[in-house]
Amino acid sequence: QSEVSGRIDFIGFSDGQFVKKDTLLVGLDATLPLAQFLKDRAEYKLASSNLNRSRNLHEKNYLSPRALDEIIASEEISNAKMQLSKAILEQYKIKAPFDGKIGLRKISIGSYVQNGQELLKLQDLSIMKFDFQVPERFSNLVSVGQHLTIETNTFQNHIDGIVSAIDVGNQNKGRLLVLRTLVENQKGLLRSGMFGKVNLTIKKKIRRL
């Protein structure tokens, strides 16, 4: 999502492309924030030069400690303003927060976007989260680390996994407990939103001879 409003002037990805972390995906017109940053940077450089000269004067007893403190404060304020304008300028660049695959593009150069508007979807498919539910009567029989298998319509072979997390509360008015397993997907064969059937053994019957 975009943190600021503006017009798109750069798109750095294609439909379904895999991108690395920090890749510039979307750039908004940053003419005004760039001008503000350049102004604040120039003022900071001037304040920094004034501070260096003032320190030399202070060492030679040509400048009082109070006057030097005021110049130091002025330099710190200029630096803070520059850092703020730099941070605002960076908001006009939407970069990939992690390695992942991009979905279908729904934006184009020249489009105007609002603050908080969704621009694209980026997903890390290397490890998938598979959530499933068990009836509440089995709540005390499930635990983290239990082995399970997942069957999907996509693959003939089942997928092995373990219970990695259990929700803190029951869903659907307390009748169902949600569990989660993490599935390795290095080959990228699984996609988000797929359905599957879980086989989880929670209690084995012991036959006495």
Protein backbone atom coordinates (compact mmCIF):
# COMPACT_ATOMS: atom_id res chain seq x y z
CA GLN A 1 0.00 0.00 0.00
CA SER A 2 1.02 3.58 -0.56
CA GLU A 3 1.83 5.67 2.52
CA VAL A 4 1.22 8.95 0.64
CA SER A 5 -0.96 10.26 -2.16
CA GLY A 6 0.56 10.99 -5.55
CA ARG A 7 0.85 10.20 -9.23
CA ILE A 8 2.71 7.09 -10.39
CA ASP A 9 5.72 7.88 -12.59
CA PHE A 10 7.62 4.58 -12.30
CA ILE A 11 6.73 0.87 -12.26
CA GLY A 12 9.58 -1.57 -11.78
CA PHE A 13 7.97 -4.99 -12.08
CA SER A 14 6.05 -7.24 -14.46
CA ASP A 15 3.07 -9.50 -13.86
CA GLY A 16 4.03 -12.58 -11.86
CA GLN A 17 7.66 -11.51 -11.50
CA PHE A 18 9.87 -12.72 -8.66
CA VAL A 19 11.59 -9.76 -6.97
CA LYS A 20 14.29 -9.45 -4.34
CA LYS A 21 14.02 -7.49 -1.10
CA ASP A 22 14.41 -3.68 -1.48
CA THR A 23 13.60 -3.75 -5.21
CA LEU A 24 11.93 -0.47 -6.22
CA LEU A 25 8.44 -1.54 -7.30
CA VAL A 26 6.53 1.73 -7.63
CA GLY A 27 7.69 5.33 -7.68
CA LEU A 28 5.41 8.34 -7.16
CA ASP A 29 6.07 11.84 -8.45
CA ALA A 30 8.34 13.29 -5.76
CA THR A 31 9.04 16.74 -7.20
CA LEU A 32 7.82 18.68 -4.14
CA PRO A 33 9.27 16.45 -1.38
CA LEU A 34 12.58 16.29 -3.28
CA ALA A 35 12.74 20.08 -3.43
CA GLN A 36 12.04 20.26 0.30
CA PHE A 37 14.76 17.72 1.04
CA LEU A 38 17.32 19.60 -1.06
CA LYS A 39 16.42 22.82 0.75
CA ASP A 40 16.73 21.22 4.20
CA ARG A 41 19.99 19.53 3.24
CA ALA A 42 21.49 22.82 2.11
CA GLU A 43 20.42 24.48 5.36
CA TYR A 44 21.95 21.64 7.35
CA LYS A 45 25.27 21.94 5.50
CA LEU A 46 25.30 25.67 6.25
CA ALA A 47 24.46 25.06 9.92
CA SER A 48 27.18 22.40 10.15
CA SER A 49 29.77 24.80 8.68
CA ASN A 50 28.68 27.50 11.12
CA LEU A 51 29.09 25.06 13.98
CA ASN A 52 32.63 24.14 12.95
CA ARG A 53 33.63 27.79 12.73
CA SER A 54 31.96 28.54 16.06
CA ARG A 55 33.84 25.76 17.80
CA ASN A 56 37.11 27.18 16.54
CA LEU A 57 36.12 30.60 17.82
CA HIS A 58 35.08 29.10 21.16
CA GLU A 59 38.46 27.40 21.56
CA LYS A 60 40.11 30.80 21.06
CA ASN A 61 37.74 32.41 23.59
CA TYR A 62 36.09 34.55 20.91
CA LEU A 63 32.67 32.95 21.49
CA SER A 64 30.78 32.40 24.73
CA PRO A 65 29.60 28.92 25.81
CA ARG A 66 25.98 30.06 25.65
CA ALA A 67 26.35 31.27 22.07
CA LEU A 68 28.01 27.97 21.13
CA ASP A 69 25.14 26.02 22.72
CA GLU A 70 22.65 27.97 20.63
CA ILE A 71 24.58 27.22 17.45
CA ILE A 72 24.78 23.52 18.36
CA ALA A 73 21.02 23.45 18.91
CA SER A 74 20.48 25.18 15.58
CA GLU A 75 22.61 22.58 13.83
CA GLU A 76 20.71 19.73 15.50
CA ILE A 77 17.37 21.24 14.48
CA SER A 78 18.59 21.58 10.88
CA ASN A 79 19.70 17.95 10.92
CA ALA A 80 16.33 16.79 12.28
CA LYS A 81 14.49 18.74 9.56
CA MET A 82 16.69 17.18 6.90
CA GLN A 83 16.11 13.66 8.27
CA LEU A 84 12.36 14.27 8.35
CA SER A 85 12.23 15.48 4.75
CA LYS A 86 14.40 12.52 3.73
CA ALA A 87 11.98 10.10 5.42
CA ILE A 88 9.03 11.75 3.68
CA LEU A 89 10.84 11.52 0.34
CA GLU A 90 11.40 7.79 0.88
CA GLN A 91 7.64 7.29 1.28
CA TYR A 92 7.28 8.09 -2.43
CA LYS A 93 9.27 4.93 -3.20
CA ILE A 94 7.48 1.63 -2.63
CA LYS A 95 10.09 -1.11 -2.25
CA ALA A 96 9.74 -4.85 -1.73
CA PRO A 97 9.90 -5.59 2.03
CA PHE A 98 10.99 -9.18 1.34
CA ASP A 99 11.78 -11.63 -1.48
CA GLY A 100 8.60 -12.76 -3.16
CA LYS A 101 6.39 -13.12 -6.19
CA ILE A 102 4.12 -10.35 -7.45
CA GLY A 103 0.58 -10.94 -8.64
CA LEU A 104 -1.17 -9.35 -11.62
CA ARG A 105 -0.57 -5.65 -12.09
CA LYS A 106 -3.58 -3.39 -11.52
CA ILE A 107 -1.87 0.01 -11.80
CA SER A 108 -0.31 2.04 -14.61
CA ILE A 109 1.98 5.02 -15.01
CA GLY A 110 0.06 8.25 -14.66
CA SER A 111 -2.52 6.86 -12.25
CA TYR A 112 -3.19 8.88 -9.11
CA VAL A 113 -3.21 6.86 -5.89
CA GLN A 114 -4.50 7.79 -2.46
CA ASN A 115 -2.83 7.31 0.89
CA GLY A 116 -3.42 3.71 2.00
CA GLN A 117 -4.52 2.50 -1.43
CA GLU A 118 -3.49 -1.05 -2.33
CA LEU A 119 -1.08 -1.03 -5.26
CA LEU A 120 -0.04 -4.67 -5.64
CA LYS A 121 0.23 -8.01 -3.90
CA LEU A 122 3.59 -9.53 -3.00
CA GLN A 123 3.75 -13.00 -1.51
CA ASP A 124 6.57 -15.10 -0.09
CA LEU A 125 5.61 -18.61 -1.18
CA SER A 126 8.73 -20.41 0.09
CA ILE A 127 6.91 -21.46 3.27
CA MET A 128 3.12 -21.75 3.28
CA LYS A 129 0.84 -21.50 6.30
CA PHE A 130 -1.83 -24.20 6.27
CA ASP A 131 -4.65 -23.61 8.77
CA PHE A 132 -7.22 -26.27 9.65
CA GLN A 133 -9.85 -26.91 12.30
CA VAL A 134 -10.65 -29.72 14.68
CA PRO A 135 -13.81 -30.15 16.79
CA GLU A 136 -13.59 -28.78 20.32
CA ARG A 137 -13.95 -32.26 21.87
CA PHE A 138 -10.41 -32.99 20.64
CA SER A 139 -8.94 -29.77 22.07
CA ASN A 140 -7.11 -31.53 24.89
CA LEU A 141 -5.69 -34.18 22.51
CA VAL A 142 -3.84 -31.90 20.10
CA SER A 143 -0.45 -30.32 20.73
CA VAL A 144 2.37 -28.53 18.94
CA GLY A 145 4.76 -30.97 17.26
CA GLN A 146 2.20 -33.62 16.30
CA HIS A 147 2.78 -35.09 12.85
CA LEU A 148 0.19 -34.84 10.09
CA THR A 149 -0.25 -35.28 6.36
CA ILE A 150 -2.00 -33.02 3.87
CA GLU A 151 -3.79 -34.22 0.74
CA THR A 152 -4.59 -31.83 -2.11
CA ASN A 153 -6.19 -32.16 -5.52
CA THR A 154 -2.96 -30.82 -7.05
CA PHE A 155 -0.58 -33.61 -6.04
CA GLN A 156 -0.94 -37.36 -5.92
CA ASN A 157 1.49 -37.71 -3.02
CA HIS A 158 0.65 -36.33 0.41
CA ILE A 159 2.57 -33.54 2.12
CA ASP A 160 4.14 -34.20 5.51
CA GLY A 161 4.03 -31.60 8.26
CA ILE A 162 3.74 -30.96 11.98
CA VAL A 163 1.45 -28.81 14.09
CA SER A 164 3.41 -25.56 14.53
CA ALA A 165 0.84 -23.43 16.38
CA ILE A 166 -2.58 -23.64 18.04
CA ASP A 167 -4.98 -20.71 18.31
CA VAL A 168 -5.62 -19.30 21.78
CA GLY A 169 -9.38 -19.62 21.52
CA ASN A 170 -12.02 -21.65 19.76
CA GLN A 171 -13.83 -20.37 16.68
CA ASN A 172 -17.45 -20.61 15.58
CA LYS A 173 -18.82 -20.02 19.11
CA GLY A 174 -16.33 -22.42 20.67
CA ARG A 175 -17.06 -25.48 18.57
CA LEU A 176 -13.85 -25.52 16.53
CA LEU A 177 -10.16 -25.14 17.36
CA VAL A 178 -7.82 -23.71 14.69
CA LEU A 179 -4.37 -25.24 14.19
CA ARG A 180 -1.55 -24.23 11.85
CA THR A 181 1.25 -26.08 10.11
CA LEU A 182 4.09 -24.67 8.00
CA VAL A 183 4.73 -26.33 4.64
CA GLU A 184 7.97 -26.09 2.67
CA ASN A 185 7.27 -24.80 -0.85
CA GLN A 186 10.73 -24.20 -2.31
CA LYS A 187 9.66 -25.36 -5.78
CA GLY A 188 6.70 -22.98 -5.76
CA LEU A 189 4.15 -25.67 -6.64
CA LEU A 190 1.72 -24.61 -3.91
CA ARG A 191 -0.21 -21.34 -4.14
CA SER A 192 -2.01 -19.26 -1.56
CA GLY A 193 -5.71 -19.99 -1.21
CA MET A 194 -5.44 -23.69 -2.08
CA PHE A 195 -7.52 -26.22 -0.17
CA GLY A 196 -6.46 -29.52 1.29
CA LYS A 197 -7.50 -32.30 3.64
CA VAL A 198 -5.53 -32.97 6.81
CA ASN A 199 -4.96 -36.37 8.36
CA LEU A 200 -3.98 -35.90 11.99
CA THR A 201 -3.64 -38.80 14.39
CA ILE A 202 -4.46 -37.49 17.84
CA LYS A 203 -4.89 -40.76 19.70
CA LYS A 204 -3.96 -44.32 18.89
CA LYS A 205 -6.04 -47.24 20.04
CA ILE A 206 -4.08 -49.97 21.79
CA ARG A 207 -5.30 -53.49 21.15
CA ARG A 208 -4.70 -55.97 23.93
CA LEU A 209 -4.14 -59.57 22.97
